[in-house]
């Protein structure tokens, strides 16, 4: 076990943890907004009213939250690759 392997493992684990913590919050909020939007759609369909399909503040927030979650997931994937490289490099 060389120093490079240990450095790659530690950096990878650190990035996985950072990516998870960075993606967890936006993903939870995105799911809540998505459920709320579906609930409003069901209510509007039940009421018989036409729902405006334009851009809303919630849809913009969901786009931002999706982007933040993707960035966190990408950081975690880079960490996983570093851990894998730490095992592959001899």
PDB file of N, CA and C in Angstrom:
ATOM      1  N   UNK A   1       0.852  -1.170   0.000  1.00  0.00           N
ATOM      2  CA  UNK A   1       0.000   0.000   0.000  1.00  0.00           C
ATOM      3  C   UNK A   1       0.901   1.237   0.000  1.00  0.00           C
ATOM      4  N   UNK A   2       0.763   2.014  -1.039  1.00  0.00           N
ATOM      5  CA  UNK A   2       1.589   3.201  -1.171  1.00  0.00           C
ATOM      6  C   UNK A   2       0.845   4.437  -0.686  1.00  0.00           C
ATOM      7  N   UNK A   3       1.585   5.483  -0.565  1.00  0.00           N
ATOM      8  CA  UNK A   3       1.019   6.747  -0.108  1.00  0.00           C
ATOM      9  C   UNK A   3      -0.014   7.277  -1.110  1.00  0.00           C
ATOM     10  N   UNK A   4       0.249   7.087  -2.401  1.00  0.00           N
ATOM     11  CA  UNK A   4      -0.678   7.552  -3.427  1.00  0.00           C
ATOM     12  C   UNK A   4      -2.038   6.873  -3.289  1.00  0.00           C
ATOM     13  N   UNK A   5      -2.033   5.574  -2.996  1.00  0.00           N
ATOM     14  CA  UNK A   5      -3.289   4.853  -2.821  1.00  0.00           C
ATOM     15  C   UNK A   5      -4.089   5.419  -1.646  1.00  0.00           C
ATOM     16  N   UNK A   6      -3.413   5.645  -0.555  1.00  0.00           N
ATOM     17  CA  UNK A   6      -4.091   6.162   0.640  1.00  0.00           C
ATOM     18  C   UNK A   6      -4.630   7.562   0.382  1.00  0.00           C
ATOM     19  N   UNK A   7      -3.866   8.385  -0.310  1.00  0.00           N
ATOM     20  CA  UNK A   7      -4.315   9.739  -0.629  1.00  0.00           C
ATOM     21  C   UNK A   7      -5.550   9.684  -1.526  1.00  0.00           C
ATOM     22  N   UNK A   8      -5.544   8.807  -2.538  1.00  0.00           N
ATOM     23  CA  UNK A   8      -6.692   8.674  -3.424  1.00  0.00           C
ATOM     24  C   UNK A   8      -7.920   8.184  -2.662  1.00  0.00           C
ATOM     25  N   UNK A   9      -7.733   7.225  -1.763  1.00  0.00           N
ATOM     26  CA  UNK A   9      -8.858   6.708  -0.973  1.00  0.00           C
ATOM     27  C   UNK A   9      -9.459   7.801  -0.095  1.00  0.00           C
ATOM     28  N   UNK A  10      -8.587   8.525   0.611  1.00  0.00           N
ATOM     29  CA  UNK A  10      -9.071   9.565   1.516  1.00  0.00           C
ATOM     30  C   UNK A  10      -9.746  10.704   0.752  1.00  0.00           C
ATOM     31  N   UNK A  11      -9.133  11.097  -0.369  1.00  0.00           N
ATOM     32  CA  UNK A  11      -9.748  12.158  -1.173  1.00  0.00           C
ATOM     33  C   UNK A  11     -11.086  11.679  -1.741  1.00  0.00           C
ATOM     34  N   UNK A  12     -11.135  10.437  -2.197  1.00  0.00           N
ATOM     35  CA  UNK A  12     -12.373   9.893  -2.742  1.00  0.00           C
ATOM     36  C   UNK A  12     -13.471   9.807  -1.700  1.00  0.00           C
ATOM     37  N   UNK A  13     -13.128   9.325  -0.524  1.00  0.00           N
ATOM     38  CA  UNK A  13     -14.120   9.227   0.553  1.00  0.00           C
ATOM     39  C   UNK A  13     -14.600  10.615   0.954  1.00  0.00           C
ATOM     40  N   UNK A  14     -13.675  11.562   1.014  1.00  0.00           N
ATOM     41  CA  UNK A  14     -14.054  12.938   1.332  1.00  0.00           C
ATOM     42  C   UNK A  14     -15.000  13.518   0.295  1.00  0.00           C
ATOM     43  N   UNK A  15     -14.736  13.256  -0.981  1.00  0.00           N
ATOM     44  CA  UNK A  15     -15.621  13.764  -2.032  1.00  0.00           C
ATOM     45  C   UNK A  15     -16.974  13.064  -2.029  1.00  0.00           C
ATOM     46  N   UNK A  16     -16.988  11.784  -1.708  1.00  0.00           N
ATOM     47  CA  UNK A  16     -18.267  11.067  -1.624  1.00  0.00           C
ATOM     48  C   UNK A  16     -19.123  11.664  -0.507  1.00  0.00           C
ATOM     49  N   UNK A  17     -18.526  11.900   0.635  1.00  0.00           N
ATOM     50  CA  UNK A  17     -19.257  12.490   1.764  1.00  0.00           C
ATOM     51  C   UNK A  17     -19.723  13.901   1.422  1.00  0.00           C
ATOM     52  N   UNK A  18     -18.840  14.690   0.808  1.00  0.00           N
ATOM     53  CA  UNK A  18     -19.205  16.059   0.443  1.00  0.00           C
ATOM     54  C   UNK A  18     -20.326  16.061  -0.591  1.00  0.00           C
ATOM     55  N   UNK A  19     -20.245  15.178  -1.565  1.00  0.00           N
ATOM     56  CA  UNK A  19     -21.288  15.103  -2.582  1.00  0.00           C
ATOM     57  C   UNK A  19     -22.620  14.681  -2.000  1.00  0.00           C
ATOM     58  N   UNK A  20     -22.580  13.725  -1.080  1.00  0.00           N
ATOM     59  CA  UNK A  20     -23.818  13.263  -0.440  1.00  0.00           C
ATOM     60  C   UNK A  20     -24.468  14.375   0.368  1.00  0.00           C
ATOM     61  N   UNK A  21     -23.674  15.070   1.167  1.00  0.00           N
ATOM     62  CA  UNK A  21     -24.248  16.127   1.996  1.00  0.00           C
ATOM     63  C   UNK A  21     -24.722  17.298   1.143  1.00  0.00           C
ATOM     64  N   UNK A  22     -24.044  17.524   0.022  1.00  0.00           N
ATOM     65  CA  UNK A  22     -24.451  18.622  -0.859  1.00  0.00           C
ATOM     66  C   UNK A  22     -25.719  18.287  -1.642  1.00  0.00           C
ATOM     67  N   UNK A  23     -25.931  17.024  -1.977  1.00  0.00           N
ATOM     68  CA  UNK A  23     -27.088  16.626  -2.777  1.00  0.00           C
ATOM     69  C   UNK A  23     -28.310  16.303  -1.927  1.00  0.00           C
ATOM     70  N   UNK A  24     -28.108  15.939  -0.680  1.00  0.00           N
ATOM     71  CA  UNK A  24     -29.215  15.493   0.170  1.00  0.00           C
ATOM     72  C   UNK A  24     -30.292  16.553   0.367  1.00  0.00           C
ATOM     73  N   UNK A  25     -29.913  17.769   0.700  1.00  0.00           N
ATOM     74  CA  UNK A  25     -30.879  18.837   0.951  1.00  0.00           C
ATOM     75  C   UNK A  25     -31.692  19.215  -0.278  1.00  0.00           C
ATOM     76  N   UNK A  26     -31.033  19.527  -1.404  1.00  0.00           N
ATOM     77  CA  UNK A  26     -31.806  19.878  -2.603  1.00  0.00           C
ATOM     78  C   UNK A  26     -32.697  18.737  -3.103  1.00  0.00           C
ATOM     79  N   UNK A  27     -32.251  17.492  -2.965  1.00  0.00           N
ATOM     80  CA  UNK A  27     -33.091  16.376  -3.401  1.00  0.00           C
ATOM     81  C   UNK A  27     -34.351  16.263  -2.550  1.00  0.00           C
ATOM     82  N   UNK A  28     -34.208  16.452  -1.254  1.00  0.00           N
ATOM     83  CA  UNK A  28     -35.372  16.380  -0.376  1.00  0.00           C
ATOM     84  C   UNK A  28     -36.352  17.514  -0.673  1.00  0.00           C
ATOM     85  N   UNK A  29     -35.839  18.714  -0.853  1.00  0.00           N
ATOM     86  CA  UNK A  29     -36.709  19.847  -1.156  1.00  0.00           C
ATOM     87  C   UNK A  29     -37.355  19.694  -2.531  1.00  0.00           C
ATOM     88  N   UNK A  30     -36.598  19.161  -3.502  1.00  0.00           N
ATOM     89  CA  UNK A  30     -37.144  18.928  -4.840  1.00  0.00           C
ATOM     90  C   UNK A  30     -38.303  17.934  -4.793  1.00  0.00           C
ATOM     91  N   UNK A  31     -38.128  16.856  -4.037  1.00  0.00           N
ATOM     92  CA  UNK A  31     -39.203  15.872  -3.922  1.00  0.00           C
ATOM     93  C   UNK A  31     -40.442  16.485  -3.284  1.00  0.00           C
ATOM     94  N   UNK A  32     -40.239  17.330  -2.279  1.00  0.00           N
ATOM     95  CA  UNK A  32     -41.381  17.979  -1.630  1.00  0.00           C
ATOM     96  C   UNK A  32     -42.111  18.911  -2.597  1.00  0.00           C
ATOM     97  N   UNK A  33     -41.360  19.684  -3.370  1.00  0.00           N
ATOM     98  CA  UNK A  33     -41.987  20.576  -4.343  1.00  0.00           C
ATOM     99  C   UNK A  33     -42.692  19.793  -5.449  1.00  0.00           C
ATOM    100  N   UNK A  34     -42.092  18.678  -5.845  1.00  0.00           N
ATOM    101  CA  UNK A  34     -42.695  17.838  -6.883  1.00  0.00           C
ATOM    102  C   UNK A  34     -44.021  17.248  -6.400  1.00  0.00           C
ATOM    103  N   UNK A  35     -44.049  16.776  -5.155  1.00  0.00           N
ATOM    104  CA  UNK A  35     -45.286  16.244  -4.585  1.00  0.00           C
ATOM    105  C   UNK A  35     -46.347  17.338  -4.451  1.00  0.00           C
ATOM    106  N   UNK A  36     -45.919  18.521  -4.043  1.00  0.00           N
ATOM    107  CA  UNK A  36     -46.857  19.629  -3.906  1.00  0.00           C
ATOM    108  C   UNK A  36     -47.421  20.028  -5.275  1.00  0.00           C
ATOM    109  N   UNK A  37     -46.586  20.043  -6.295  1.00  0.00           N
ATOM    110  CA  UNK A  37     -47.042  20.374  -7.642  1.00  0.00           C
ATOM    111  C   UNK A  37     -48.026  19.324  -8.159  1.00  0.00           C
ATOM    112  N   UNK A  38     -47.763  18.055  -7.889  1.00  0.00           N
ATOM    113  CA  UNK A  38     -48.687  16.998  -8.302  1.00  0.00           C
ATOM    114  C   UNK A  38     -50.017  17.132  -7.559  1.00  0.00           C
ATOM    115  N   UNK A  39     -49.965  17.514  -6.297  1.00  0.00           N
ATOM    116  CA  UNK A  39     -51.178  17.708  -5.522  1.00  0.00           C
ATOM    117  C   UNK A  39     -52.021  18.854  -6.092  1.00  0.00           C
ATOM    118  N   UNK A  40     -51.374  19.936  -6.464  1.00  0.00           N
ATOM    119  CA  UNK A  40     -52.083  21.064  -7.063  1.00  0.00           C
ATOM    120  C   UNK A  40     -52.698  20.637  -8.400  1.00  0.00           C
ATOM    121  N   UNK A  41     -51.956  19.845  -9.183  1.00  0.00           N
ATOM    122  CA  UNK A  41     -52.486  19.375 -10.471  1.00  0.00           C
ATOM    123  C   UNK A  41     -53.716  18.496 -10.260  1.00  0.00           C
ATOM    124  N   UNK A  42     -53.674  17.620  -9.261  1.00  0.00           N
ATOM    125  CA  UNK A  42     -54.841  16.775  -8.966  1.00  0.00           C
ATOM    126  C   UNK A  42     -56.029  17.622  -8.520  1.00  0.00           C
ATOM    127  N   UNK A  43     -55.773  18.632  -7.712  1.00  0.00           N
ATOM    128  CA  UNK A  43     -56.844  19.496  -7.242  1.00  0.00           C
ATOM    129  C   UNK A  43     -57.466  20.263  -8.413  1.00  0.00           C
ATOM    130  N   UNK A  44     -56.625  20.806  -9.277  1.00  0.00           N
ATOM    131  CA  UNK A  44     -57.142  21.544 -10.429  1.00  0.00           C
ATOM    132  C   UNK A  44     -57.940  20.629 -11.349  1.00  0.00           C
ATOM    133  N   UNK A  45     -57.500  19.395 -11.535  1.00  0.00           N
ATOM    134  CA  UNK A  45     -58.245  18.442 -12.370  1.00  0.00           C
ATOM    135  C   UNK A  45     -59.575  18.094 -11.711  1.00  0.00           C
ATOM    136  N   UNK A  46     -59.587  17.943 -10.410  1.00  0.00           N
ATOM    137  CA  UNK A  46     -60.821  17.619  -9.689  1.00  0.00           C
ATOM    138  C   UNK A  46     -61.806  18.781  -9.763  1.00  0.00           C
ATOM    139  N   UNK A  47     -61.254  19.985  -9.644  1.00  0.00           N
ATOM    140  CA  UNK A  47     -62.091  21.168  -9.660  1.00  0.00           C
ATOM    141  C   UNK A  47     -62.615  21.474 -11.058  1.00  0.00           C
ATOM    142  N   UNK A  48     -61.933  20.967 -12.050  1.00  0.00           N
ATOM    143  CA  UNK A  48     -62.374  21.166 -13.421  1.00  0.00           C
ATOM    144  C   UNK A  48     -61.813  22.407 -14.071  1.00  0.00           C
ATOM    145  N   UNK A  49     -60.908  23.052 -13.412  1.00  0.00           N
ATOM    146  CA  UNK A  49     -60.322  24.260 -13.970  1.00  0.00           C
ATOM    147  C   UNK A  49     -59.130  23.943 -14.853  1.00  0.00           C
ATOM    148  N   UNK A  50     -58.872  24.825 -15.791  1.00  0.00           N
ATOM    149  CA  UNK A  50     -57.695  24.662 -16.646  1.00  0.00           C
ATOM    150  C   UNK A  50     -56.478  25.167 -15.887  1.00  0.00           C
ATOM    151  N   UNK A  51     -55.437  24.393 -15.889  1.00  0.00           N
ATOM    152  CA  UNK A  51     -54.234  24.763 -15.165  1.00  0.00           C
ATOM    153  C   UNK A  51     -53.285  25.491 -16.105  1.00  0.00           C
ATOM    154  N   UNK A  52     -52.751  26.587 -15.635  1.00  0.00           N
ATOM    155  CA  UNK A  52     -51.788  27.352 -16.420  1.00  0.00           C
ATOM    156  C   UNK A  52     -50.494  26.556 -16.527  1.00  0.00           C
ATOM    157  N   UNK A  53     -50.014  26.356 -17.729  1.00  0.00           N
ATOM    158  CA  UNK A  53     -48.807  25.557 -17.939  1.00  0.00           C
ATOM    159  C   UNK A  53     -47.559  26.423 -18.060  1.00  0.00           C
ATOM    160  N   UNK A  54     -47.646  27.677 -17.703  1.00  0.00           N
ATOM    161  CA  UNK A  54     -46.507  28.585 -17.793  1.00  0.00           C
ATOM    162  C   UNK A  54     -45.476  28.327 -16.708  1.00  0.00           C
ATOM    163  N   UNK A  55     -44.422  29.106 -16.767  1.00  0.00           N
ATOM    164  CA  UNK A  55     -43.346  28.991 -15.788  1.00  0.00           C
ATOM    165  C   UNK A  55     -43.804  29.596 -14.463  1.00  0.00           C
ATOM    166  N   UNK A  56     -43.640  28.827 -13.416  1.00  0.00           N
ATOM    167  CA  UNK A  56     -43.995  29.306 -12.084  1.00  0.00           C
ATOM    168  C   UNK A  56     -42.744  29.410 -11.234  1.00  0.00           C
ATOM    169  N   UNK A  57     -42.878  30.031 -10.092  1.00  0.00           N
ATOM    170  CA  UNK A  57     -41.749  30.108  -9.177  1.00  0.00           C
ATOM    171  C   UNK A  57     -41.321  28.739  -8.688  1.00  0.00           C
ATOM    172  N   UNK A  58     -42.301  27.849  -8.503  1.00  0.00           N
ATOM    173  CA  UNK A  58     -41.972  26.495  -8.050  1.00  0.00           C
ATOM    174  C   UNK A  58     -41.208  25.727  -9.121  1.00  0.00           C
ATOM    175  N   UNK A  59     -41.568  25.921 -10.395  1.00  0.00           N
ATOM    176  CA  UNK A  59     -40.851  25.203 -11.454  1.00  0.00           C
ATOM    177  C   UNK A  59     -39.421  25.714 -11.591  1.00  0.00           C
ATOM    178  N   UNK A  60     -39.233  27.008 -11.401  1.00  0.00           N
ATOM    179  CA  UNK A  60     -37.876  27.561 -11.430  1.00  0.00           C
ATOM    180  C   UNK A  60     -37.078  27.029 -10.241  1.00  0.00           C
ATOM    181  N   UNK A  61     -37.693  26.976  -9.074  1.00  0.00           N
ATOM    182  CA  UNK A  61     -37.017  26.438  -7.889  1.00  0.00           C
ATOM    183  C   UNK A  61     -36.658  24.974  -8.097  1.00  0.00           C
ATOM    184  N   UNK A  62     -37.557  24.196  -8.726  1.00  0.00           N
ATOM    185  CA  UNK A  62     -37.259  22.782  -8.977  1.00  0.00           C
ATOM    186  C   UNK A  62     -36.091  22.633  -9.940  1.00  0.00           C
ATOM    187  N   UNK A  63     -35.979  23.520 -10.942  1.00  0.00           N
ATOM    188  CA  UNK A  63     -34.832  23.470 -11.847  1.00  0.00           C
ATOM    189  C   UNK A  63     -33.533  23.751 -11.107  1.00  0.00           C
ATOM    190  N   UNK A  64     -33.556  24.752 -10.247  1.00  0.00           N
ATOM    191  CA  UNK A  64     -32.361  25.095  -9.470  1.00  0.00           C
ATOM    192  C   UNK A  64     -31.986  23.946  -8.540  1.00  0.00           C
ATOM    193  N   UNK A  65     -32.967  23.359  -7.873  1.00  0.00           N
ATOM    194  CA  UNK A  65     -32.696  22.249  -6.953  1.00  0.00           C
ATOM    195  C   UNK A  65     -32.170  21.026  -7.698  1.00  0.00           C
ATOM    196  N   UNK A  66     -32.713  20.759  -8.888  1.00  0.00           N
ATOM    197  CA  UNK A  66     -32.201  19.640  -9.694  1.00  0.00           C
ATOM    198  C   UNK A  66     -30.747  19.864 -10.069  1.00  0.00           C
ATOM    199  N   UNK A  67     -30.418  21.098 -10.456  1.00  0.00           N
ATOM    200  CA  UNK A  67     -29.040  21.408 -10.826  1.00  0.00           C
ATOM    201  C   UNK A  67     -28.108  21.251  -9.625  1.00  0.00           C
ATOM    202  N   UNK A  68     -28.527  21.724  -8.466  1.00  0.00           N
ATOM    203  CA  UNK A  68     -27.708  21.579  -7.263  1.00  0.00           C
ATOM    204  C   UNK A  68     -27.514  20.113  -6.901  1.00  0.00           C
ATOM    205  N   UNK A  69     -28.569  19.325  -7.035  1.00  0.00           N
ATOM    206  CA  UNK A  69     -28.468  17.894  -6.725  1.00  0.00           C
ATOM    207  C   UNK A  69     -27.538  17.198  -7.716  1.00  0.00           C
ATOM    208  N   UNK A  70     -27.627  17.560  -8.989  1.00  0.00           N
ATOM    209  CA  UNK A  70     -26.736  16.954  -9.993  1.00  0.00           C
ATOM    210  C   UNK A  70     -25.282  17.268  -9.697  1.00  0.00           C
ATOM    211  N   UNK A  71     -25.011  18.486  -9.263  1.00  0.00           N
ATOM    212  CA  UNK A  71     -23.634  18.856  -8.931  1.00  0.00           C
ATOM    213  C   UNK A  71     -23.146  18.009  -7.754  1.00  0.00           C
ATOM    214  N   UNK A  72     -23.974  17.847  -6.737  1.00  0.00           N
ATOM    215  CA  UNK A  72     -23.596  17.016  -5.587  1.00  0.00           C
ATOM    216  C   UNK A  72     -23.373  15.568  -5.986  1.00  0.00           C
ATOM    217  N   UNK A  73     -24.233  15.044  -6.853  1.00  0.00           N
ATOM    218  CA  UNK A  73     -24.074  13.659  -7.314  1.00  0.00           C
ATOM    219  C   UNK A  73     -22.797  13.526  -8.126  1.00  0.00           C
ATOM    220  N   UNK A  74     -22.496  14.518  -8.965  1.00  0.00           N
ATOM    221  CA  UNK A  74     -21.269  14.473  -9.764  1.00  0.00           C
ATOM    222  C   UNK A  74     -20.033  14.479  -8.867  1.00  0.00           C
ATOM    223  N   UNK A  75     -20.066  15.246  -7.801  1.00  0.00           N
ATOM    224  CA  UNK A  75     -18.946  15.268  -6.855  1.00  0.00           C
ATOM    225  C   UNK A  75     -18.779  13.883  -6.229  1.00  0.00           C
ATOM    226  N   UNK A  76     -19.893  13.252  -5.855  1.00  0.00           N
ATOM    227  CA  UNK A  76     -19.826  11.904  -5.293  1.00  0.00           C
ATOM    228  C   UNK A  76     -19.285  10.887  -6.285  1.00  0.00           C
ATOM    229  N   UNK A  77     -19.657  11.017  -7.548  1.00  0.00           N
ATOM    230  CA  UNK A  77     -19.167  10.095  -8.572  1.00  0.00           C
ATOM    231  C   UNK A  77     -17.661  10.264  -8.761  1.00  0.00           C
ATOM    232  N   UNK A  78     -17.189  11.507  -8.751  1.00  0.00           N
ATOM    233  CA  UNK A  78     -15.742  11.744  -8.850  1.00  0.00           C
ATOM    234  C   UNK A  78     -15.030  11.109  -7.663  1.00  0.00           C
ATOM    235  N   UNK A  79     -15.616  11.214  -6.494  1.00  0.00           N
ATOM    236  CA  UNK A  79     -15.031  10.564  -5.313  1.00  0.00           C
ATOM    237  C   UNK A  79     -14.989   9.058  -5.461  1.00  0.00           C
ATOM    238  N   UNK A  80     -16.047   8.474  -5.999  1.00  0.00           N
ATOM    239  CA  UNK A  80     -16.068   7.029  -6.214  1.00  0.00           C
ATOM    240  C   UNK A  80     -14.986   6.614  -7.210  1.00  0.00           C
ATOM    241  N   UNK A  81     -14.794   7.418  -8.252  1.00  0.00           N
ATOM    242  CA  UNK A  81     -13.749   7.123  -9.237  1.00  0.00           C
ATOM    243  C   UNK A  81     -12.380   7.193  -8.581  1.00  0.00           C
ATOM    244  N   UNK A  82     -12.168   8.162  -7.720  1.00  0.00           N
ATOM    245  CA  UNK A  82     -10.870   8.264  -7.034  1.00  0.00           C
ATOM    246  C   UNK A  82     -10.624   7.059  -6.136  1.00  0.00           C
ATOM    247  N   UNK A  83     -11.647   6.603  -5.429  1.00  0.00           N
ATOM    248  CA  UNK A  83     -11.491   5.416  -4.589  1.00  0.00           C
ATOM    249  C   UNK A  83     -11.165   4.200  -5.472  1.00  0.00           C
ATOM    250  N   UNK A  84     -11.843   4.075  -6.583  1.00  0.00           N
ATOM    251  CA  UNK A  84     -11.587   2.975  -7.499  1.00  0.00           C
ATOM    252  C   UNK A  84     -10.172   3.044  -8.057  1.00  0.00           C
ATOM    253  N   UNK A  85      -9.734   4.248  -8.419  1.00  0.00           N
ATOM    254  CA  UNK A  85      -8.351   4.405  -8.895  1.00  0.00           C
ATOM    255  C   UNK A  85      -7.337   4.053  -7.809  1.00  0.00           C
ATOM    256  N   UNK A  86      -7.675   4.355  -6.558  1.00  0.00           N
ATOM    257  CA  UNK A  86      -6.791   3.997  -5.459  1.00  0.00           C
ATOM    258  C   UNK A  86      -6.599   2.501  -5.343  1.00  0.00           C
ATOM    259  N   UNK A  87      -7.611   1.719  -5.709  1.00  0.00           N
ATOM    260  CA  UNK A  87      -7.472   0.276  -5.696  1.00  0.00           C
ATOM    261  C   UNK A  87      -6.774  -0.253  -6.939  1.00  0.00           C
ATOM    262  N   UNK A  88      -6.935   0.426  -8.055  1.00  0.00           N
ATOM    263  CA  UNK A  88      -6.374  -0.069  -9.304  1.00  0.00           C
ATOM    264  C   UNK A  88      -4.901   0.270  -9.488  1.00  0.00           C
ATOM    265  N   UNK A  89      -4.467   1.415  -8.961  1.00  0.00           N
ATOM    266  CA  UNK A  89      -3.065   1.826  -9.097  1.00  0.00           C
ATOM    267  C   UNK A  89      -2.222   1.043  -8.111  1.00  0.00           C
ATOM    268  N   UNK A  90      -1.135   0.508  -8.621  1.00  0.00           N
ATOM    269  CA  UNK A  90      -0.215  -0.261  -7.756  1.00  0.00           C
ATOM    270  C   UNK A  90       1.074   0.449  -7.584  1.00  0.00           C
TER     271      UNK A  90
END
